[in-house]
Amino acid sequence: MIARLILSRHPCAWARHPGVAIVTVLVVGGILTTIHNPLALPVLFPLGFFLFIVAAANRIGGVVANRGAYVLGECSFGIYMLHGIVLHVAFSAAQPMLAGRPFAWIVWLYPVAVILVALVSFAAFLFVEAPAIAVGRRAAMRLRPARPAETAAPAVDGMPAEPL
């Protein structure tokens, strides 16, 4: 079965198999819950592989093919631009609350930070990015050269020409 997946006509077809998604999610989840340094090399390879299988159109059981994933995709530029600022502010504000607690407590702050980044990015998309895209689209339509009118070819030897 593995050989058939790897040797198929499509070079990344094996990465779309549901079994690959299950194993990858289990490995990434296991590593993230057991390793204390989230930037350690053993963590980066499985995370990179997870991103690869998503890029290869593995839907991870439909999780990345729903409306919420589409909205996150629309907000992805805002997430890219604002995540550093939001995370810095969030973790700076949480630092006094986490002082003296074990490092594992920071894991509980991750979901809150992810939701906060998503909300701020969604607001930026609605109030900044989408209106700017609309203005750019309207400007591009005004600047686009007018299409020349279609003309019929001249008649030859008394026979009407076919329209273009």
Foldseek 3Di string as FASTA:
>chain_A
DQVCQCPDPDNCSVLQDLVVLVVLVVLLVVCVVPDLDCPDPVNVVSVVSNVVSVVSVRCNVVPCVDPVVVLCVLLVVQLVVCLVVLVVVQCVVCVVVCPPPDSVVVVVVVVVSVVVSSVVSSVCCVPPVVVVVVVVVVVCVVPDDDDDDFDADCDDPPHGGDGD
